[in-house]
Amino acid sequence: MEITLDSRGPALVLRLAGRFDGDGAPIFDAFVEALDRFSESWILDFSQVRYLSSMGLRSLVKAEKRLRAGHETLVLAGLSRPVRQVLEMARLHTVLRLVGSVDEALLLARSGSVAPDRALRSTR
């Protein structure tokens, strides 16, 4: 997993590339743990991620909980069909905010409307 960082306006954009699996998830975890939370929104650009495993799901939930505790938000953008299907099977599409592109996520972040459409609090 390769991660590049881009600060764009009200959000921090993390561009992910590679497999978000047992090898990629620890890289992601270490990267986000080292980040200072200086932005209200984190946008994860998934356009170059083609595989998401249960380890990746765990990392996403962990990051979302960390941000939510600080009243910050996580938005996933540019998901491929297979990655979106994994999130839907795990029912995380009801907890995380999923959008089509980074530009769409930035618009949401600027408007302050980045909460999930249907958050299921019981899954936390």
N, C-alpha and C. Protein backbone atom coordinates (compact mmCIF):
# COMPACT_ATOMS: atom_id res chain seq x y z
N MET A 1 0.85 -1.18 0.00
CA MET A 1 0.00 0.00 0.00
C MET A 1 0.89 1.23 0.00
N GLU A 2 0.60 2.12 -0.91
CA GLU A 2 1.27 3.42 -0.95
C GLU A 2 0.25 4.49 -0.58
N ILE A 3 0.68 5.46 0.22
CA ILE A 3 -0.20 6.53 0.66
C ILE A 3 0.49 7.86 0.43
N THR A 4 -0.19 8.76 -0.25
CA THR A 4 0.30 10.13 -0.39
C THR A 4 -0.70 11.06 0.24
N LEU A 5 -0.20 12.16 0.73
CA LEU A 5 -1.00 13.10 1.50
C LEU A 5 -1.14 14.41 0.73
N ASP A 6 -2.35 14.97 0.75
CA ASP A 6 -2.64 16.22 0.07
C ASP A 6 -3.62 17.00 0.93
N SER A 7 -3.24 18.19 1.35
CA SER A 7 -4.14 19.03 2.13
C SER A 7 -4.85 19.97 1.18
N ARG A 8 -6.16 19.81 1.07
CA ARG A 8 -6.93 20.62 0.12
C ARG A 8 -8.11 21.26 0.82
N GLY A 9 -7.94 22.54 1.14
CA GLY A 9 -9.03 23.28 1.77
C GLY A 9 -9.37 22.73 3.13
N PRO A 10 -10.65 22.42 3.34
CA PRO A 10 -11.09 21.99 4.67
C PRO A 10 -10.81 20.52 4.96
N ALA A 11 -10.16 19.84 4.04
CA ALA A 11 -10.00 18.40 4.20
C ALA A 11 -8.56 17.96 3.93
N LEU A 12 -8.24 16.83 4.51
CA LEU A 12 -6.98 16.16 4.27
C LEU A 12 -7.28 14.99 3.34
N VAL A 13 -6.61 14.93 2.19
CA VAL A 13 -6.86 13.86 1.23
C VAL A 13 -5.72 12.86 1.31
N LEU A 14 -6.06 11.60 1.58
CA LEU A 14 -5.08 10.52 1.58
C LEU A 14 -5.34 9.69 0.33
N ARG A 15 -4.39 9.67 -0.57
CA ARG A 15 -4.52 8.91 -1.81
C ARG A 15 -3.88 7.54 -1.59
N LEU A 16 -4.71 6.51 -1.68
CA LEU A 16 -4.27 5.15 -1.42
C LEU A 16 -4.06 4.41 -2.74
N ALA A 17 -3.02 3.58 -2.80
CA ALA A 17 -2.76 2.77 -3.99
C ALA A 17 -2.26 1.41 -3.55
N GLY A 18 -2.79 0.37 -4.18
CA GLY A 18 -2.38 -0.99 -3.86
C GLY A 18 -3.50 -1.77 -3.23
N ARG A 19 -3.13 -2.81 -2.51
CA ARG A 19 -4.10 -3.69 -1.87
C ARG A 19 -4.27 -3.29 -0.41
N PHE A 20 -5.51 -3.14 -0.01
CA PHE A 20 -5.84 -2.81 1.37
C PHE A 20 -6.19 -4.13 2.06
N ASP A 21 -5.14 -4.88 2.39
CA ASP A 21 -5.30 -6.23 2.92
C ASP A 21 -4.41 -6.40 4.14
N GLY A 22 -4.05 -7.63 4.47
CA GLY A 22 -3.21 -7.91 5.63
C GLY A 22 -1.84 -7.25 5.58
N ASP A 23 -1.35 -6.97 4.38
CA ASP A 23 -0.08 -6.26 4.24
C ASP A 23 -0.28 -4.75 4.21
N GLY A 24 -1.34 -4.30 3.53
CA GLY A 24 -1.58 -2.87 3.39
C GLY A 24 -2.20 -2.21 4.61
N ALA A 25 -3.03 -2.95 5.34
CA ALA A 25 -3.72 -2.37 6.49
C ALA A 25 -2.76 -1.87 7.58
N PRO A 26 -1.71 -2.62 7.95
CA PRO A 26 -0.78 -2.10 8.96
C PRO A 26 -0.05 -0.83 8.49
N ILE A 27 0.22 -0.74 7.20
CA ILE A 27 0.84 0.47 6.65
C ILE A 27 -0.11 1.65 6.82
N PHE A 28 -1.38 1.44 6.48
CA PHE A 28 -2.39 2.48 6.65
C PHE A 28 -2.52 2.88 8.12
N ASP A 29 -2.62 1.89 9.00
CA ASP A 29 -2.77 2.17 10.44
C ASP A 29 -1.61 3.01 10.96
N ALA A 30 -0.39 2.64 10.61
CA ALA A 30 0.78 3.39 11.08
C ALA A 30 0.78 4.81 10.52
N PHE A 31 0.40 4.94 9.27
CA PHE A 31 0.38 6.25 8.62
C PHE A 31 -0.62 7.18 9.31
N VAL A 32 -1.85 6.70 9.52
CA VAL A 32 -2.86 7.58 10.11
C VAL A 32 -2.62 7.83 11.59
N GLU A 33 -2.01 6.90 12.29
CA GLU A 33 -1.68 7.13 13.70
C GLU A 33 -0.63 8.24 13.84
N ALA A 34 0.25 8.37 12.85
CA ALA A 34 1.30 9.39 12.91
C ALA A 34 0.79 10.77 12.51
N LEU A 35 -0.40 10.83 11.91
CA LEU A 35 -0.94 12.11 11.47
C LEU A 35 -1.51 12.90 12.64
N ASP A 36 -1.25 14.19 12.61
CA ASP A 36 -1.95 15.09 13.53
C ASP A 36 -3.31 15.36 12.91
N ARG A 37 -4.33 15.39 13.72
CA ARG A 37 -5.67 15.65 13.20
C ARG A 37 -5.87 17.16 13.09
N PHE A 38 -5.37 17.73 12.02
CA PHE A 38 -5.47 19.18 11.86
C PHE A 38 -6.57 19.56 10.89
N SER A 39 -7.35 18.63 10.48
CA SER A 39 -8.42 18.88 9.53
C SER A 39 -9.70 18.25 10.05
N GLU A 40 -10.84 18.89 9.79
CA GLU A 40 -12.11 18.34 10.25
C GLU A 40 -12.55 17.14 9.45
N SER A 41 -12.07 17.02 8.21
CA SER A 41 -12.47 15.90 7.35
C SER A 41 -11.25 15.23 6.75
N TRP A 42 -11.31 13.91 6.73
CA TRP A 42 -10.29 13.13 6.03
C TRP A 42 -10.99 12.47 4.86
N ILE A 43 -10.43 12.63 3.69
CA ILE A 43 -10.96 11.99 2.49
C ILE A 43 -9.96 10.92 2.07
N LEU A 44 -10.44 9.69 1.96
CA LEU A 44 -9.60 8.60 1.49
C LEU A 44 -9.92 8.36 0.02
N ASP A 45 -8.95 8.61 -0.84
CA ASP A 45 -9.12 8.41 -2.28
C ASP A 45 -8.80 6.96 -2.60
N PHE A 46 -9.84 6.19 -2.88
CA PHE A 46 -9.72 4.76 -3.14
C PHE A 46 -9.61 4.44 -4.63
N SER A 47 -9.42 5.44 -5.48
CA SER A 47 -9.45 5.20 -6.93
C SER A 47 -8.36 4.24 -7.41
N GLN A 48 -7.28 4.08 -6.64
CA GLN A 48 -6.21 3.17 -7.02
C GLN A 48 -6.15 1.92 -6.14
N VAL A 49 -7.21 1.68 -5.37
CA VAL A 49 -7.31 0.48 -4.53
C VAL A 49 -8.27 -0.48 -5.22
N ARG A 50 -7.79 -1.67 -5.52
CA ARG A 50 -8.61 -2.65 -6.23
C ARG A 50 -9.05 -3.82 -5.36
N TYR A 51 -8.51 -3.91 -4.14
CA TYR A 51 -8.85 -5.03 -3.27
C TYR A 51 -8.93 -4.54 -1.84
N LEU A 52 -9.98 -4.95 -1.14
CA LEU A 52 -10.19 -4.60 0.26
C LEU A 52 -10.54 -5.87 1.02
N SER A 53 -9.74 -6.21 2.03
CA SER A 53 -9.99 -7.41 2.83
C SER A 53 -10.58 -7.03 4.18
N SER A 54 -10.83 -8.03 5.01
CA SER A 54 -11.37 -7.78 6.35
C SER A 54 -10.38 -6.98 7.20
N MET A 55 -9.10 -7.16 6.96
CA MET A 55 -8.10 -6.34 7.69
C MET A 55 -8.23 -4.87 7.30
N GLY A 56 -8.49 -4.61 6.03
CA GLY A 56 -8.72 -3.24 5.59
C GLY A 56 -9.98 -2.66 6.20
N LEU A 57 -11.03 -3.48 6.29
CA LEU A 57 -12.27 -3.03 6.92
C LEU A 57 -12.02 -2.63 8.37
N ARG A 58 -11.26 -3.46 9.07
CA ARG A 58 -10.93 -3.16 10.47
C ARG A 58 -10.22 -1.83 10.59
N SER A 59 -9.27 -1.59 9.68
CA SER A 59 -8.52 -0.33 9.70
C SER A 59 -9.42 0.87 9.44
N LEU A 60 -10.36 0.72 8.53
CA LEU A 60 -11.29 1.81 8.24
C LEU A 60 -12.18 2.13 9.44
N VAL A 61 -12.68 1.09 10.09
CA VAL A 61 -13.53 1.29 11.27
C VAL A 61 -12.73 1.95 12.38
N LYS A 62 -11.52 1.51 12.56
CA LYS A 62 -10.64 2.09 13.59
C LYS A 62 -10.39 3.57 13.31
N ALA A 63 -10.09 3.92 12.07
CA ALA A 63 -9.84 5.32 11.71
C ALA A 63 -11.10 6.16 11.89
N GLU A 64 -12.25 5.61 11.49
CA GLU A 64 -13.51 6.34 11.62
C GLU A 64 -13.83 6.60 13.08
N LYS A 65 -13.63 5.63 13.94
CA LYS A 65 -13.90 5.81 15.37
C LYS A 65 -12.97 6.85 15.97
N ARG A 66 -11.72 6.82 15.57
CA ARG A 66 -10.74 7.79 16.07
C ARG A 66 -11.15 9.21 15.68
N LEU A 67 -11.53 9.38 14.43
CA LEU A 67 -11.93 10.71 13.97
C LEU A 67 -13.23 11.16 14.61
N ARG A 68 -14.19 10.26 14.70
CA ARG A 68 -15.49 10.62 15.28
C ARG A 68 -15.33 11.05 16.74
N ALA A 69 -14.41 10.43 17.47
CA ALA A 69 -14.17 10.80 18.87
C ALA A 69 -13.71 12.26 18.97
N GLY A 70 -13.03 12.74 17.94
CA GLY A 70 -12.59 14.13 17.91
C GLY A 70 -13.51 15.03 17.11
N HIS A 71 -14.73 14.56 16.84
CA HIS A 71 -15.73 15.30 16.07
C HIS A 71 -15.25 15.62 14.66
N GLU A 72 -14.49 14.70 14.11
CA GLU A 72 -13.99 14.83 12.74
C GLU A 72 -14.65 13.73 11.91
N THR A 73 -14.51 13.81 10.60
CA THR A 73 -15.22 12.88 9.75
C THR A 73 -14.30 12.21 8.73
N LEU A 74 -14.75 11.06 8.26
CA LEU A 74 -14.04 10.27 7.26
C LEU A 74 -14.95 10.08 6.06
N VAL A 75 -14.42 10.34 4.86
CA VAL A 75 -15.17 10.16 3.62
C VAL A 75 -14.34 9.30 2.69
N LEU A 76 -14.95 8.28 2.11
CA LEU A 76 -14.28 7.41 1.14
C LEU A 76 -14.74 7.80 -0.26
N ALA A 77 -13.79 8.02 -1.15
CA ALA A 77 -14.10 8.50 -2.49
C ALA A 77 -13.47 7.62 -3.56
N GLY A 78 -14.11 7.57 -4.72
CA GLY A 78 -13.54 6.88 -5.88
C GLY A 78 -13.45 5.38 -5.73
N LEU A 79 -14.44 4.76 -5.11
CA LEU A 79 -14.41 3.32 -4.87
C LEU A 79 -14.70 2.54 -6.15
N SER A 80 -13.90 1.51 -6.38
CA SER A 80 -14.19 0.61 -7.48
C SER A 80 -15.40 -0.25 -7.09
N ARG A 81 -16.01 -0.88 -8.07
CA ARG A 81 -17.18 -1.72 -7.80
C ARG A 81 -16.87 -2.84 -6.80
N PRO A 82 -15.76 -3.59 -6.96
CA PRO A 82 -15.47 -4.66 -5.99
C PRO A 82 -15.26 -4.14 -4.57
N VAL A 83 -14.59 -3.00 -4.42
CA VAL A 83 -14.36 -2.44 -3.09
C VAL A 83 -15.68 -1.99 -2.48
N ARG A 84 -16.51 -1.34 -3.27
CA ARG A 84 -17.83 -0.90 -2.78
C ARG A 84 -18.66 -2.11 -2.35
N GLN A 85 -18.59 -3.21 -3.10
CA GLN A 85 -19.35 -4.40 -2.76
C GLN A 85 -18.91 -4.99 -1.42
N VAL A 86 -17.61 -4.98 -1.16
CA VAL A 86 -17.11 -5.47 0.13
C VAL A 86 -17.66 -4.61 1.27
N LEU A 87 -17.64 -3.29 1.09
CA LEU A 87 -18.18 -2.40 2.12
C LEU A 87 -19.68 -2.63 2.32
N GLU A 88 -20.40 -2.87 1.24
CA GLU A 88 -21.84 -3.13 1.35
C GLU A 88 -22.12 -4.47 2.03
N MET A 89 -21.34 -5.50 1.70
CA MET A 89 -21.54 -6.79 2.36
C MET A 89 -21.28 -6.71 3.86
N ALA A 90 -20.32 -5.87 4.24
CA ALA A 90 -20.01 -5.69 5.66
C ALA A 90 -20.94 -4.66 6.32
N ARG A 91 -21.86 -4.10 5.53
CA ARG A 91 -22.82 -3.08 5.97
C ARG A 91 -22.15 -1.79 6.43
N LEU A 92 -20.91 -1.57 6.04
CA LEU A 92 -20.22 -0.34 6.42
C LEU A 92 -20.66 0.86 5.58
N HIS A 93 -21.35 0.60 4.48
CA HIS A 93 -21.87 1.71 3.69
C HIS A 93 -22.95 2.47 4.46
N THR A 94 -23.46 1.89 5.53
CA THR A 94 -24.45 2.57 6.37
C THR A 94 -23.79 3.39 7.47
N VAL A 95 -22.50 3.20 7.67
CA VAL A 95 -21.78 3.88 8.74
C VAL A 95 -20.81 4.92 8.17
N LEU A 96 -20.15 4.58 7.08
CA LEU A 96 -19.17 5.46 6.46
C LEU A 96 -19.82 6.25 5.32
N ARG A 97 -19.28 7.41 5.06
CA ARG A 97 -19.78 8.23 3.94
C ARG A 97 -19.00 7.83 2.69
N LEU A 98 -19.69 7.36 1.65
CA LEU A 98 -19.09 6.95 0.39
C LEU A 98 -19.55 7.91 -0.69
N VAL A 99 -18.59 8.43 -1.48
CA VAL A 99 -18.92 9.34 -2.58
C VAL A 99 -18.17 8.91 -3.82
N GLY A 100 -18.59 9.43 -4.96
CA GLY A 100 -18.03 9.02 -6.24
C GLY A 100 -16.64 9.51 -6.53
N SER A 101 -16.29 10.70 -6.04
CA SER A 101 -14.99 11.28 -6.40
C SER A 101 -14.45 12.15 -5.27
N VAL A 102 -13.17 12.46 -5.36
CA VAL A 102 -12.54 13.36 -4.38
C VAL A 102 -13.17 14.74 -4.48
N ASP A 103 -13.46 15.20 -5.70
CA ASP A 103 -14.09 16.51 -5.87
C ASP A 103 -15.44 16.58 -5.15
N GLU A 104 -16.22 15.52 -5.27
CA GLU A 104 -17.51 15.46 -4.57
C GLU A 104 -17.31 15.46 -3.06
N ALA A 105 -16.30 14.75 -2.59
CA ALA A 105 -16.00 14.73 -1.15
C ALA A 105 -15.57 16.11 -0.66
N LEU A 106 -14.78 16.81 -1.47
CA LEU A 106 -14.36 18.16 -1.09
C LEU A 106 -15.54 19.11 -1.00
N LEU A 107 -16.49 18.98 -1.92
CA LEU A 107 -17.70 19.80 -1.86
C LEU A 107 -18.48 19.53 -0.58
N LEU A 108 -18.60 18.26 -0.22
CA LEU A 108 -19.28 17.92 1.03
C LEU A 108 -18.55 18.48 2.24
N ALA A 109 -17.22 18.38 2.22
CA ALA A 109 -16.43 18.88 3.34
C ALA A 109 -16.59 20.40 3.48
N ARG A 110 -16.60 21.10 2.36
CA ARG A 110 -16.78 22.56 2.40
C ARG A 110 -18.15 22.94 2.93
N SER A 111 -19.15 22.13 2.61
CA SER A 111 -20.52 22.43 3.06
C SER A 111 -20.77 21.94 4.49
N GLY A 112 -19.87 21.13 5.00
CA GLY A 112 -20.04 20.58 6.35
C GLY A 112 -21.00 19.42 6.41
N SER A 113 -21.32 18.83 5.25
CA SER A 113 -22.31 17.75 5.18
C SER A 113 -21.63 16.43 4.87
N VAL A 114 -20.82 15.92 5.79
CA VAL A 114 -20.10 14.69 5.52
C VAL A 114 -20.54 13.51 6.37
N ALA A 115 -21.61 13.68 7.13
CA ALA A 115 -22.12 12.56 7.93
C ALA A 115 -22.71 11.50 7.00
N PRO A 116 -22.64 10.23 7.40
CA PRO A 116 -23.26 9.18 6.58
C PRO A 116 -24.76 9.41 6.43
N ASP A 117 -25.30 8.94 5.33
CA ASP A 117 -26.73 9.11 5.09
C ASP A 117 -27.57 8.36 6.11
N ARG A 118 -27.16 7.13 6.44
CA ARG A 118 -27.94 6.31 7.37
C ARG A 118 -26.97 5.66 8.36
N ALA A 119 -26.60 6.35 9.39
CA ALA A 119 -25.65 5.79 10.36
C ALA A 119 -26.34 4.82 11.29
N LEU A 120 -25.79 3.64 11.40
CA LEU A 120 -26.31 2.64 12.34
C LEU A 120 -25.39 2.62 13.55
N ARG A 121 -25.77 3.28 14.57
CA ARG A 121 -24.94 3.40 15.76
C ARG A 121 -24.73 2.05 16.44
N SER A 122 -25.63 1.11 16.26
CA SER A 122 -25.52 -0.17 16.95
C SER A 122 -24.35 -1.01 16.47
N THR A 123 -23.75 -0.66 15.32
CA THR A 123 -22.62 -1.44 14.81
C THR A 123 -21.29 -1.01 15.39
N ARG A 124 -21.29 -0.02 16.23
CA ARG A 124 -20.03 0.48 16.78
C ARG A 124 -19.70 -0.16 18.09
